[in-house]
């Protein structure tokens, strides 16, 4: 999470971002040095697939070939890290606007503060609802739940810890109280299912 004057940008936590940007290239470097001797060791196994690939990698016996292969694997790891970060969802908050950038070619989403009636996390998704319970945004989040809650509350958005606290809308946009009452009064509902209508609606 980064802060500008009256602006908060939410994405990967710093520690996780560093693990991605440093870990992927480091893994590529390690594989680059480890694969040639491993390929030579496995080359005699007749049951393994991709024997031609193993033979090609195993033929890299000189020092400069091994170093070149390791550098190429490091660059591939670095590229994979940048792609992973670039394709992640970024949320930008101000007191007036909520912007969601999806990282791919999908058009960014911009919502005025007055349209937002509830914000919460459900599973791996950040959910934004309007006053009628209709979803305005549904996007996988990268920031931690704690960072999201702190940022949205700091900018005056109606953050809720769960869907049940968000004003009571289920996945169909129906108030949970209404859904619970319908379940309780349904002639087809059994006594056991009518005893827990709210729990059923929340988990929907």
N, C-alpha and C. Protein backbone atom coordinates (compact mmCIF):
# COMPACT_ATOMS: atom_id res chain seq x y z
N UNK A 1 0.84 -1.19 0.00
CA UNK A 1 0.00 0.00 0.00
C UNK A 1 0.88 1.24 0.00
N UNK A 2 0.61 2.18 -0.91
CA UNK A 2 1.37 3.43 -0.96
C UNK A 2 0.41 4.60 -0.77
N UNK A 3 0.94 5.69 -0.19
CA UNK A 3 0.12 6.85 0.11
C UNK A 3 0.66 8.07 -0.59
N UNK A 4 -0.24 8.81 -1.25
CA UNK A 4 0.02 10.13 -1.76
C UNK A 4 -0.93 11.07 -1.03
N UNK A 5 -0.76 12.40 -1.15
CA UNK A 5 -1.69 13.30 -0.49
C UNK A 5 -3.14 13.01 -0.90
N UNK A 6 -3.96 12.57 0.07
CA UNK A 6 -5.37 12.27 -0.15
C UNK A 6 -5.60 11.12 -1.13
N UNK A 7 -4.58 10.30 -1.37
CA UNK A 7 -4.69 9.17 -2.30
C UNK A 7 -4.01 7.95 -1.70
N UNK A 8 -4.65 6.81 -1.85
CA UNK A 8 -4.06 5.54 -1.41
C UNK A 8 -4.10 4.56 -2.57
N UNK A 9 -2.97 3.92 -2.86
CA UNK A 9 -2.88 2.93 -3.92
C UNK A 9 -2.68 1.57 -3.26
N UNK A 10 -3.56 0.64 -3.57
CA UNK A 10 -3.54 -0.70 -2.97
C UNK A 10 -3.19 -1.73 -4.02
N UNK A 11 -2.17 -2.51 -3.74
CA UNK A 11 -1.76 -3.59 -4.63
C UNK A 11 -1.08 -4.67 -3.81
N UNK A 12 -0.03 -5.25 -4.36
CA UNK A 12 0.72 -6.25 -3.61
C UNK A 12 1.34 -5.62 -2.36
N UNK A 13 1.30 -6.29 -1.21
CA UNK A 13 2.10 -5.82 -0.07
C UNK A 13 3.57 -5.79 -0.44
N UNK A 14 4.32 -4.88 0.18
CA UNK A 14 5.72 -4.69 -0.20
C UNK A 14 6.54 -5.96 -0.06
N UNK A 15 6.32 -6.68 1.04
CA UNK A 15 7.11 -7.91 1.26
C UNK A 15 6.81 -8.94 0.18
N UNK A 16 5.53 -9.08 -0.19
CA UNK A 16 5.17 -10.05 -1.22
C UNK A 16 5.70 -9.62 -2.58
N UNK A 17 5.66 -8.31 -2.84
CA UNK A 17 6.18 -7.80 -4.11
C UNK A 17 7.67 -8.08 -4.24
N UNK A 18 8.41 -7.90 -3.14
CA UNK A 18 9.84 -8.19 -3.16
C UNK A 18 10.10 -9.68 -3.38
N UNK A 19 9.26 -10.52 -2.76
CA UNK A 19 9.43 -11.96 -2.96
C UNK A 19 9.24 -12.34 -4.42
N UNK A 20 8.30 -11.70 -5.08
CA UNK A 20 8.04 -12.00 -6.49
C UNK A 20 9.18 -11.49 -7.37
N UNK A 21 9.57 -10.22 -7.17
CA UNK A 21 10.58 -9.60 -8.04
C UNK A 21 11.97 -10.19 -7.83
N UNK A 22 12.25 -10.65 -6.62
CA UNK A 22 13.56 -11.26 -6.35
C UNK A 22 13.53 -12.78 -6.43
N UNK A 23 12.39 -13.36 -6.04
CA UNK A 23 12.32 -14.82 -5.99
C UNK A 23 12.28 -15.48 -7.36
N UNK A 24 11.51 -14.92 -8.29
CA UNK A 24 11.42 -15.52 -9.62
C UNK A 24 12.78 -15.54 -10.32
N UNK A 25 13.52 -14.41 -10.37
CA UNK A 25 14.84 -14.47 -11.01
C UNK A 25 15.81 -15.39 -10.27
N UNK A 26 15.75 -15.40 -8.93
CA UNK A 26 16.63 -16.28 -8.17
C UNK A 26 16.34 -17.74 -8.47
N UNK A 27 15.06 -18.06 -8.60
CA UNK A 27 14.69 -19.43 -8.95
C UNK A 27 15.19 -19.78 -10.35
N UNK A 28 15.07 -18.84 -11.28
CA UNK A 28 15.59 -19.07 -12.63
C UNK A 28 17.09 -19.28 -12.64
N UNK A 29 17.81 -18.48 -11.84
CA UNK A 29 19.26 -18.63 -11.76
C UNK A 29 19.64 -20.00 -11.20
N UNK A 30 18.95 -20.42 -10.15
CA UNK A 30 19.26 -21.72 -9.55
C UNK A 30 18.98 -22.86 -10.51
N UNK A 31 17.86 -22.77 -11.21
CA UNK A 31 17.53 -23.82 -12.18
C UNK A 31 18.52 -23.82 -13.34
N UNK A 32 18.97 -22.62 -13.72
CA UNK A 32 19.92 -22.53 -14.83
C UNK A 32 21.21 -23.26 -14.55
N UNK A 33 21.68 -23.18 -13.32
CA UNK A 33 22.91 -23.89 -12.96
C UNK A 33 22.66 -25.37 -12.65
N UNK A 34 21.46 -25.69 -12.15
CA UNK A 34 21.20 -27.06 -11.72
C UNK A 34 20.74 -27.97 -12.85
N UNK A 35 20.08 -27.42 -13.87
CA UNK A 35 19.50 -28.28 -14.90
C UNK A 35 20.52 -29.02 -15.77
N UNK A 36 21.60 -28.38 -16.24
CA UNK A 36 22.53 -29.13 -17.09
C UNK A 36 23.10 -30.39 -16.44
N UNK A 37 23.65 -30.33 -15.21
CA UNK A 37 24.12 -31.59 -14.61
C UNK A 37 22.99 -32.58 -14.31
N UNK A 38 21.83 -32.06 -13.96
CA UNK A 38 20.69 -32.95 -13.72
C UNK A 38 20.26 -33.63 -15.01
N UNK A 39 20.27 -32.88 -16.12
CA UNK A 39 19.90 -33.46 -17.41
C UNK A 39 20.89 -34.55 -17.83
N UNK A 40 22.19 -34.33 -17.57
CA UNK A 40 23.19 -35.36 -17.90
C UNK A 40 22.98 -36.61 -17.05
N UNK A 41 22.60 -36.41 -15.80
CA UNK A 41 22.38 -37.54 -14.90
C UNK A 41 21.14 -38.35 -15.32
N UNK A 42 20.12 -37.65 -15.86
CA UNK A 42 18.88 -38.32 -16.26
C UNK A 42 18.90 -38.79 -17.71
N UNK A 43 19.93 -38.46 -18.45
CA UNK A 43 19.93 -38.74 -19.88
C UNK A 43 19.85 -40.23 -20.19
N UNK A 44 20.33 -41.06 -19.31
CA UNK A 44 20.30 -42.50 -19.58
C UNK A 44 18.98 -43.16 -19.27
N UNK A 45 18.04 -42.44 -18.68
CA UNK A 45 16.74 -43.03 -18.33
C UNK A 45 15.87 -43.09 -19.58
N UNK A 46 15.53 -44.27 -20.01
CA UNK A 46 14.81 -44.45 -21.27
C UNK A 46 13.33 -44.12 -21.16
N UNK A 47 12.79 -44.09 -19.94
CA UNK A 47 11.35 -43.89 -19.77
C UNK A 47 10.95 -42.43 -19.67
N UNK A 48 11.91 -41.52 -19.59
CA UNK A 48 11.58 -40.11 -19.40
C UNK A 48 11.15 -39.47 -20.71
N UNK A 49 10.14 -38.56 -20.66
CA UNK A 49 9.75 -37.82 -21.88
C UNK A 49 10.75 -36.71 -22.17
N UNK A 50 10.63 -36.10 -23.32
CA UNK A 50 11.47 -34.96 -23.71
C UNK A 50 12.96 -35.30 -23.64
N UNK A 51 13.30 -36.46 -24.12
CA UNK A 51 14.71 -36.88 -24.05
C UNK A 51 15.59 -35.98 -24.92
N UNK A 52 15.06 -35.47 -26.03
CA UNK A 52 15.85 -34.58 -26.87
C UNK A 52 16.19 -33.28 -26.14
N UNK A 53 15.22 -32.78 -25.36
CA UNK A 53 15.47 -31.56 -24.58
C UNK A 53 16.51 -31.83 -23.51
N UNK A 54 16.40 -32.97 -22.84
CA UNK A 54 17.38 -33.32 -21.83
C UNK A 54 18.78 -33.45 -22.42
N UNK A 55 18.84 -34.04 -23.60
CA UNK A 55 20.14 -34.19 -24.25
C UNK A 55 20.73 -32.84 -24.61
N UNK A 56 19.87 -31.91 -25.09
CA UNK A 56 20.34 -30.57 -25.46
C UNK A 56 20.88 -29.82 -24.24
N UNK A 57 20.13 -29.87 -23.14
CA UNK A 57 20.56 -29.17 -21.93
C UNK A 57 21.80 -29.85 -21.34
N UNK A 58 21.82 -31.17 -21.40
CA UNK A 58 22.95 -31.89 -20.84
C UNK A 58 24.24 -31.67 -21.60
N UNK A 59 24.15 -31.29 -22.88
CA UNK A 59 25.36 -31.03 -23.67
C UNK A 59 26.07 -29.74 -23.28
N UNK A 60 25.44 -28.92 -22.43
CA UNK A 60 26.07 -27.67 -21.99
C UNK A 60 27.06 -27.98 -20.88
N UNK A 61 28.25 -28.42 -21.26
CA UNK A 61 29.25 -28.85 -20.28
C UNK A 61 30.29 -27.78 -19.98
N UNK A 62 30.53 -26.89 -20.92
CA UNK A 62 31.55 -25.87 -20.68
C UNK A 62 31.00 -24.80 -19.72
N UNK A 63 31.91 -24.08 -19.09
CA UNK A 63 31.52 -23.08 -18.10
C UNK A 63 30.69 -21.96 -18.72
N UNK A 64 31.12 -21.48 -19.94
CA UNK A 64 30.41 -20.36 -20.53
C UNK A 64 29.01 -20.75 -20.97
N UNK A 65 28.83 -22.02 -21.39
CA UNK A 65 27.49 -22.47 -21.75
C UNK A 65 26.57 -22.53 -20.52
N UNK A 66 27.12 -23.02 -19.43
CA UNK A 66 26.32 -23.09 -18.19
C UNK A 66 25.94 -21.70 -17.71
N UNK A 67 26.89 -20.77 -17.75
CA UNK A 67 26.60 -19.40 -17.32
C UNK A 67 25.57 -18.75 -18.23
N UNK A 68 25.71 -18.94 -19.54
CA UNK A 68 24.76 -18.36 -20.48
C UNK A 68 23.35 -18.92 -20.25
N UNK A 69 23.27 -20.23 -20.02
CA UNK A 69 21.97 -20.85 -19.76
C UNK A 69 21.36 -20.32 -18.46
N UNK A 70 22.19 -20.15 -17.44
CA UNK A 70 21.71 -19.63 -16.16
C UNK A 70 21.22 -18.19 -16.31
N UNK A 71 21.93 -17.37 -17.08
CA UNK A 71 21.51 -15.99 -17.29
C UNK A 71 20.19 -15.94 -18.06
N UNK A 72 20.05 -16.82 -19.06
CA UNK A 72 18.79 -16.86 -19.81
C UNK A 72 17.63 -17.27 -18.90
N UNK A 73 17.87 -18.24 -18.03
CA UNK A 73 16.82 -18.66 -17.10
C UNK A 73 16.48 -17.54 -16.12
N UNK A 74 17.49 -16.76 -15.71
CA UNK A 74 17.25 -15.63 -14.82
C UNK A 74 16.40 -14.57 -15.49
N UNK A 75 16.69 -14.28 -16.75
CA UNK A 75 15.89 -13.30 -17.49
C UNK A 75 14.46 -13.76 -17.66
N UNK A 76 14.27 -15.06 -17.89
CA UNK A 76 12.91 -15.59 -18.00
C UNK A 76 12.16 -15.43 -16.67
N UNK A 77 12.86 -15.70 -15.55
CA UNK A 77 12.25 -15.51 -14.24
C UNK A 77 11.91 -14.06 -13.97
N UNK A 78 12.79 -13.14 -14.38
CA UNK A 78 12.53 -11.72 -14.20
C UNK A 78 11.34 -11.27 -15.03
N UNK A 79 11.25 -11.77 -16.26
CA UNK A 79 10.11 -11.44 -17.12
C UNK A 79 8.81 -11.96 -16.52
N UNK A 80 8.85 -13.19 -16.01
CA UNK A 80 7.65 -13.76 -15.38
C UNK A 80 7.21 -12.93 -14.17
N UNK A 81 8.18 -12.42 -13.41
CA UNK A 81 7.86 -11.60 -12.23
C UNK A 81 7.19 -10.30 -12.65
N UNK A 82 7.71 -9.64 -13.68
CA UNK A 82 7.12 -8.38 -14.12
C UNK A 82 5.72 -8.61 -14.71
N UNK A 83 5.53 -9.72 -15.41
CA UNK A 83 4.20 -10.03 -15.95
C UNK A 83 3.21 -10.26 -14.81
N UNK A 84 3.64 -10.98 -13.78
CA UNK A 84 2.75 -11.24 -12.64
C UNK A 84 2.34 -9.96 -11.95
N UNK A 85 3.28 -9.04 -11.80
CA UNK A 85 2.97 -7.77 -11.14
C UNK A 85 2.12 -6.88 -12.05
N UNK A 86 2.45 -6.84 -13.34
CA UNK A 86 1.71 -5.98 -14.26
C UNK A 86 0.27 -6.43 -14.44
N UNK A 87 0.01 -7.73 -14.31
CA UNK A 87 -1.34 -8.25 -14.50
C UNK A 87 -2.17 -8.22 -13.22
N UNK A 88 -1.62 -7.71 -12.13
CA UNK A 88 -2.35 -7.69 -10.88
C UNK A 88 -3.31 -6.50 -10.83
N UNK A 89 -4.32 -6.62 -10.00
CA UNK A 89 -5.32 -5.57 -9.84
C UNK A 89 -4.79 -4.49 -8.91
N UNK A 90 -4.97 -3.22 -9.31
CA UNK A 90 -4.55 -2.09 -8.48
C UNK A 90 -5.76 -1.22 -8.18
N UNK A 91 -5.95 -0.92 -6.90
CA UNK A 91 -7.07 -0.10 -6.45
C UNK A 91 -6.52 1.23 -5.96
N UNK A 92 -7.08 2.34 -6.48
CA UNK A 92 -6.67 3.68 -6.07
C UNK A 92 -7.86 4.38 -5.43
N UNK A 93 -7.64 4.91 -4.23
CA UNK A 93 -8.72 5.54 -3.46
C UNK A 93 -8.44 7.02 -3.23
N UNK A 94 -9.47 7.83 -3.42
CA UNK A 94 -9.48 9.20 -2.93
C UNK A 94 -10.80 9.39 -2.18
N UNK A 95 -11.00 10.57 -1.61
CA UNK A 95 -12.25 10.82 -0.91
C UNK A 95 -13.44 10.85 -1.86
N UNK A 96 -13.20 11.06 -3.16
CA UNK A 96 -14.28 11.22 -4.13
C UNK A 96 -14.43 10.05 -5.09
N UNK A 97 -13.35 9.30 -5.33
CA UNK A 97 -13.35 8.33 -6.42
C UNK A 97 -12.66 7.04 -6.00
N UNK A 98 -13.23 5.94 -6.49
CA UNK A 98 -12.62 4.60 -6.36
C UNK A 98 -12.27 4.12 -7.76
N UNK A 99 -10.98 3.92 -8.02
CA UNK A 99 -10.52 3.45 -9.32
C UNK A 99 -9.95 2.04 -9.20
N UNK A 100 -10.35 1.18 -10.15
CA UNK A 100 -9.87 -0.20 -10.18
C UNK A 100 -9.21 -0.45 -11.53
N UNK A 101 -7.91 -0.75 -11.51
CA UNK A 101 -7.18 -1.10 -12.73
C UNK A 101 -6.92 -2.59 -12.70
N UNK A 102 -7.38 -3.30 -13.72
CA UNK A 102 -7.38 -4.76 -13.70
C UNK A 102 -6.06 -5.36 -14.19
N UNK A 103 -5.17 -4.55 -14.76
CA UNK A 103 -3.86 -5.05 -15.14
C UNK A 103 -3.80 -5.66 -16.52
N UNK A 104 -4.92 -6.19 -17.02
CA UNK A 104 -4.93 -6.75 -18.37
C UNK A 104 -5.53 -5.70 -19.31
N UNK A 105 -6.09 -6.15 -20.39
CA UNK A 105 -6.64 -5.20 -21.37
C UNK A 105 -8.06 -4.76 -21.03
N UNK A 106 -8.58 -5.21 -19.91
CA UNK A 106 -9.91 -4.79 -19.50
C UNK A 106 -9.89 -3.31 -19.13
N UNK A 107 -10.96 -2.62 -19.49
CA UNK A 107 -11.03 -1.18 -19.25
C UNK A 107 -11.05 -0.88 -17.76
N UNK A 108 -10.24 0.09 -17.29
CA UNK A 108 -10.26 0.45 -15.87
C UNK A 108 -11.65 0.93 -15.45
N UNK A 109 -11.95 0.75 -14.19
CA UNK A 109 -13.26 1.10 -13.65
C UNK A 109 -13.10 2.27 -12.69
N UNK A 110 -13.96 3.29 -12.85
CA UNK A 110 -13.93 4.45 -11.97
C UNK A 110 -15.32 4.67 -11.39
N UNK A 111 -15.40 4.72 -10.06
CA UNK A 111 -16.68 4.86 -9.37
C UNK A 111 -16.66 6.10 -8.48
N UNK A 112 -17.72 6.89 -8.55
CA UNK A 112 -17.85 8.01 -7.65
C UNK A 112 -18.20 7.52 -6.25
N UNK A 113 -17.71 8.22 -5.25
CA UNK A 113 -17.91 7.81 -3.86
C UNK A 113 -19.39 7.67 -3.51
N UNK A 114 -20.24 8.56 -4.01
CA UNK A 114 -21.65 8.53 -3.64
C UNK A 114 -22.39 7.31 -4.19
N UNK A 115 -21.82 6.64 -5.17
CA UNK A 115 -22.45 5.43 -5.70
C UNK A 115 -22.17 4.20 -4.85
N UNK A 116 -21.15 4.27 -4.02
CA UNK A 116 -20.71 3.11 -3.25
C UNK A 116 -21.48 3.04 -1.94
N UNK A 117 -22.21 1.93 -1.73
CA UNK A 117 -22.98 1.73 -0.50
C UNK A 117 -22.33 0.72 0.43
N UNK A 118 -21.50 -0.16 -0.09
CA UNK A 118 -20.87 -1.18 0.75
C UNK A 118 -19.63 -1.72 0.04
N UNK A 119 -18.59 -1.97 0.84
CA UNK A 119 -17.35 -2.58 0.34
C UNK A 119 -16.93 -3.65 1.33
N UNK A 120 -16.58 -4.81 0.82
CA UNK A 120 -16.12 -5.89 1.70
C UNK A 120 -15.33 -6.90 0.87
N UNK A 121 -14.69 -7.81 1.57
CA UNK A 121 -13.93 -8.88 0.92
C UNK A 121 -14.71 -10.18 1.07
N UNK A 122 -14.84 -10.89 -0.05
CA UNK A 122 -15.51 -12.19 -0.05
C UNK A 122 -14.60 -13.18 -0.76
N UNK A 123 -14.04 -14.11 0.02
CA UNK A 123 -13.07 -15.01 -0.57
C UNK A 123 -11.82 -14.25 -0.99
N UNK A 124 -11.46 -14.32 -2.26
CA UNK A 124 -10.30 -13.60 -2.78
C UNK A 124 -10.69 -12.34 -3.54
N UNK A 125 -11.98 -11.97 -3.49
CA UNK A 125 -12.47 -10.85 -4.28
C UNK A 125 -12.82 -9.65 -3.41
N UNK A 126 -12.55 -8.47 -3.94
CA UNK A 126 -13.03 -7.23 -3.36
C UNK A 126 -14.37 -6.93 -4.01
N UNK A 127 -15.41 -6.75 -3.19
CA UNK A 127 -16.77 -6.57 -3.69
C UNK A 127 -17.23 -5.16 -3.35
N UNK A 128 -17.77 -4.45 -4.34
CA UNK A 128 -18.33 -3.11 -4.15
C UNK A 128 -19.79 -3.15 -4.59
N UNK A 129 -20.71 -2.74 -3.71
CA UNK A 129 -22.13 -2.77 -3.99
C UNK A 129 -22.70 -1.36 -3.98
N UNK A 130 -23.79 -1.16 -4.76
CA UNK A 130 -24.52 0.10 -4.68
C UNK A 130 -25.63 -0.02 -3.64
N UNK A 131 -26.45 1.02 -3.52
CA UNK A 131 -27.47 1.04 -2.47
C UNK A 131 -28.57 0.00 -2.68
N UNK A 132 -28.70 -0.52 -3.90
CA UNK A 132 -29.70 -1.56 -4.18
C UNK A 132 -29.11 -2.96 -4.05
N UNK A 133 -27.86 -3.05 -3.67
CA UNK A 133 -27.22 -4.36 -3.53
C UNK A 133 -26.65 -4.90 -4.81
N UNK A 134 -26.63 -4.10 -5.87
CA UNK A 134 -26.08 -4.55 -7.14
C UNK A 134 -24.56 -4.39 -7.12
N UNK A 135 -23.82 -5.36 -7.68
CA UNK A 135 -22.36 -5.24 -7.68
C UNK A 135 -21.88 -4.17 -8.66
N UNK A 136 -21.08 -3.26 -8.16
CA UNK A 136 -20.44 -2.26 -9.00
C UNK A 136 -19.06 -2.71 -9.45
N UNK A 137 -18.41 -3.50 -8.61
CA UNK A 137 -17.08 -4.00 -8.93
C UNK A 137 -16.86 -5.32 -8.20
N UNK A 138 -16.18 -6.22 -8.89
CA UNK A 138 -15.81 -7.52 -8.32
C UNK A 138 -14.43 -7.86 -8.88
N UNK A 139 -13.41 -7.78 -8.03
CA UNK A 139 -12.04 -7.94 -8.53
C UNK A 139 -11.20 -8.66 -7.50
N UNK A 140 -10.31 -9.56 -7.95
CA UNK A 140 -9.38 -10.20 -7.00
C UNK A 140 -8.43 -9.17 -6.41
N UNK A 141 -8.29 -9.18 -5.10
CA UNK A 141 -7.46 -8.18 -4.43
C UNK A 141 -6.08 -8.76 -4.13
N UNK A 142 -5.06 -7.89 -4.09
CA UNK A 142 -3.70 -8.29 -3.77
C UNK A 142 -3.29 -7.79 -2.38
N UNK A 143 -3.87 -6.69 -1.95
CA UNK A 143 -3.54 -6.17 -0.63
C UNK A 143 -4.18 -7.04 0.45
N UNK A 144 -3.66 -6.94 1.65
CA UNK A 144 -4.23 -7.71 2.76
C UNK A 144 -5.58 -7.14 3.15
N UNK A 145 -6.39 -7.96 3.81
CA UNK A 145 -7.70 -7.51 4.27
C UNK A 145 -7.56 -6.34 5.24
N UNK A 146 -6.54 -6.39 6.09
CA UNK A 146 -6.33 -5.32 7.06
C UNK A 146 -6.01 -4.01 6.36
N UNK A 147 -5.14 -4.06 5.35
CA UNK A 147 -4.78 -2.85 4.60
C UNK A 147 -5.97 -2.29 3.85
N UNK A 148 -6.78 -3.16 3.27
CA UNK A 148 -7.98 -2.71 2.57
C UNK A 148 -8.94 -2.01 3.52
N UNK A 149 -9.21 -2.65 4.65
CA UNK A 149 -10.14 -2.07 5.61
C UNK A 149 -9.66 -0.70 6.10
N UNK A 150 -8.36 -0.61 6.43
CA UNK A 150 -7.81 0.65 6.92
C UNK A 150 -7.92 1.76 5.88
N UNK A 151 -7.60 1.43 4.63
CA UNK A 151 -7.61 2.44 3.57
C UNK A 151 -9.03 2.91 3.24
N UNK A 152 -9.96 1.97 3.08
CA UNK A 152 -11.32 2.37 2.74
C UNK A 152 -11.96 3.19 3.85
N UNK A 153 -11.73 2.79 5.09
CA UNK A 153 -12.30 3.55 6.20
C UNK A 153 -11.66 4.93 6.32
N UNK A 154 -10.35 5.01 6.05
CA UNK A 154 -9.67 6.30 6.13
C UNK A 154 -10.21 7.29 5.12
N UNK A 155 -10.68 6.79 3.98
CA UNK A 155 -11.22 7.68 2.94
C UNK A 155 -12.74 7.81 3.02
N UNK A 156 -13.33 7.27 4.08
CA UNK A 156 -14.76 7.49 4.30
C UNK A 156 -15.68 6.56 3.54
N UNK A 157 -15.17 5.42 3.05
CA UNK A 157 -16.02 4.47 2.35
C UNK A 157 -16.67 3.51 3.35
N UNK A 158 -17.86 3.02 3.04
CA UNK A 158 -18.58 2.13 3.97
C UNK A 158 -18.01 0.70 3.94
N UNK A 159 -16.91 0.50 4.64
CA UNK A 159 -16.28 -0.82 4.70
C UNK A 159 -17.02 -1.71 5.68
N UNK A 160 -17.18 -2.99 5.32
CA UNK A 160 -17.82 -3.98 6.18
C UNK A 160 -16.95 -5.23 6.23
N UNK A 161 -16.96 -5.89 7.35
CA UNK A 161 -16.12 -7.07 7.54
C UNK A 161 -16.66 -8.30 6.83
N UNK A 162 -17.92 -8.27 6.42
CA UNK A 162 -18.51 -9.42 5.73
C UNK A 162 -19.73 -8.94 4.94
N UNK A 163 -20.24 -9.81 4.08
CA UNK A 163 -21.45 -9.48 3.32
C UNK A 163 -22.64 -9.28 4.25
N UNK A 164 -22.70 -10.06 5.32
CA UNK A 164 -23.83 -9.96 6.24
C UNK A 164 -23.90 -8.59 6.91
N UNK A 165 -22.72 -7.94 7.10
CA UNK A 165 -22.69 -6.63 7.72
C UNK A 165 -22.82 -5.50 6.71
N UNK A 166 -22.90 -5.82 5.43
CA UNK A 166 -22.87 -4.79 4.39
C UNK A 166 -24.23 -4.19 4.09
N UNK A 167 -25.20 -4.46 4.94
CA UNK A 167 -26.54 -3.97 4.67
C UNK A 167 -27.46 -5.12 4.35
N UNK A 168 -26.91 -6.35 4.33
CA UNK A 168 -27.74 -7.53 4.21
C UNK A 168 -28.17 -7.89 2.82
N UNK A 169 -27.27 -7.84 1.84
CA UNK A 169 -27.61 -8.26 0.48
C UNK A 169 -26.96 -9.59 0.18
N UNK A 170 -27.74 -10.51 -0.40
CA UNK A 170 -27.16 -11.78 -0.81
C UNK A 170 -26.63 -11.64 -2.22
N UNK A 171 -26.19 -12.75 -2.82
CA UNK A 171 -25.56 -12.69 -4.15
C UNK A 171 -26.53 -12.28 -5.25
N UNK A 172 -27.83 -12.40 -5.00
CA UNK A 172 -28.83 -11.99 -5.98
C UNK A 172 -29.29 -10.55 -5.77
N UNK A 173 -28.71 -9.87 -4.75
CA UNK A 173 -29.11 -8.50 -4.48
C UNK A 173 -30.34 -8.41 -3.59
N UNK A 174 -30.76 -9.51 -3.00
CA UNK A 174 -31.94 -9.52 -2.13
C UNK A 174 -31.50 -9.28 -0.70
N UNK A 175 -32.17 -8.38 0.05
CA UNK A 175 -31.82 -8.19 1.46
C UNK A 175 -31.87 -9.50 2.21
N UNK A 176 -30.88 -9.73 3.06
CA UNK A 176 -30.81 -11.00 3.78
C UNK A 176 -32.01 -11.19 4.69
N UNK A 177 -32.50 -10.11 5.29
CA UNK A 177 -33.66 -10.23 6.16
C UNK A 177 -34.88 -10.71 5.38
N UNK A 178 -35.04 -10.18 4.16
CA UNK A 178 -36.15 -10.61 3.32
C UNK A 178 -35.99 -12.06 2.91
N UNK A 179 -34.74 -12.43 2.52
CA UNK A 179 -34.48 -13.80 2.13
C UNK A 179 -34.71 -14.76 3.29
N UNK A 180 -34.29 -14.33 4.51
CA UNK A 180 -34.48 -15.18 5.67
C UNK A 180 -35.96 -15.36 5.99
N UNK A 181 -36.74 -14.26 5.89
CA UNK A 181 -38.17 -14.34 6.17
C UNK A 181 -38.87 -15.25 5.18
N UNK A 182 -38.46 -15.16 3.89
CA UNK A 182 -39.07 -16.01 2.87
C UNK A 182 -38.78 -17.48 3.15
N UNK A 183 -37.56 -17.76 3.59
CA UNK A 183 -37.21 -19.14 3.90
C UNK A 183 -37.99 -19.65 5.10
N UNK A 184 -38.18 -18.76 6.10
CA UNK A 184 -38.85 -19.19 7.31
C UNK A 184 -40.34 -19.43 7.09
N UNK A 185 -40.97 -18.64 6.18
CA UNK A 185 -42.41 -18.75 5.98
C UNK A 185 -42.78 -19.66 4.82
N UNK A 186 -41.78 -20.21 4.11
CA UNK A 186 -42.07 -21.08 2.99
C UNK A 186 -42.77 -22.35 3.46
N UNK A 187 -43.89 -22.75 2.83
CA UNK A 187 -44.58 -23.98 3.26
C UNK A 187 -43.77 -25.22 3.00
N UNK A 188 -42.76 -25.13 2.11
CA UNK A 188 -41.95 -26.30 1.79
C UNK A 188 -40.75 -26.44 2.71
N UNK A 189 -40.50 -25.39 3.54
CA UNK A 189 -39.32 -25.43 4.40
C UNK A 189 -39.57 -26.36 5.57
N UNK A 190 -38.60 -27.16 5.89
CA UNK A 190 -38.70 -28.04 7.05
C UNK A 190 -38.42 -27.25 8.30
N UNK A 191 -38.74 -27.82 9.46
CA UNK A 191 -38.52 -27.13 10.71
C UNK A 191 -37.05 -26.88 10.96
N UNK A 192 -36.18 -27.80 10.54
CA UNK A 192 -34.74 -27.62 10.75
C UNK A 192 -34.18 -26.54 9.86
N UNK A 193 -34.64 -26.46 8.60
CA UNK A 193 -34.11 -25.44 7.71
C UNK A 193 -34.67 -24.08 8.06
N UNK A 194 -35.92 -24.02 8.59
CA UNK A 194 -36.50 -22.74 8.96
C UNK A 194 -35.83 -22.17 10.20
N UNK A 195 -35.17 -23.00 10.98
CA UNK A 195 -34.54 -22.53 12.22
C UNK A 195 -33.27 -21.74 11.92
N UNK A 196 -32.69 -21.94 10.73
CA UNK A 196 -31.45 -21.26 10.39
C UNK A 196 -31.54 -20.54 9.05
N UNK A 197 -32.54 -19.67 8.84
CA UNK A 197 -32.68 -19.04 7.52
C UNK A 197 -31.57 -18.04 7.24
N UNK A 198 -31.09 -17.32 8.28
CA UNK A 198 -30.09 -16.32 8.07
C UNK A 198 -28.77 -16.91 7.64
N UNK A 199 -28.36 -18.00 8.27
CA UNK A 199 -27.13 -18.69 7.93
C UNK A 199 -27.16 -19.17 6.48
N UNK A 200 -28.30 -19.67 6.03
CA UNK A 200 -28.43 -20.12 4.65
C UNK A 200 -28.25 -18.98 3.68
N UNK A 201 -28.86 -17.81 4.01
CA UNK A 201 -28.76 -16.69 3.11
C UNK A 201 -27.36 -16.11 3.06
N UNK A 202 -26.68 -16.09 4.20
CA UNK A 202 -25.34 -15.52 4.23
C UNK A 202 -24.37 -16.35 3.40
N UNK A 203 -24.54 -17.67 3.45
CA UNK A 203 -23.61 -18.53 2.74
C UNK A 203 -23.91 -18.61 1.27
N UNK A 204 -25.02 -18.06 0.82
CA UNK A 204 -25.40 -18.14 -0.60
C UNK A 204 -24.45 -17.33 -1.44
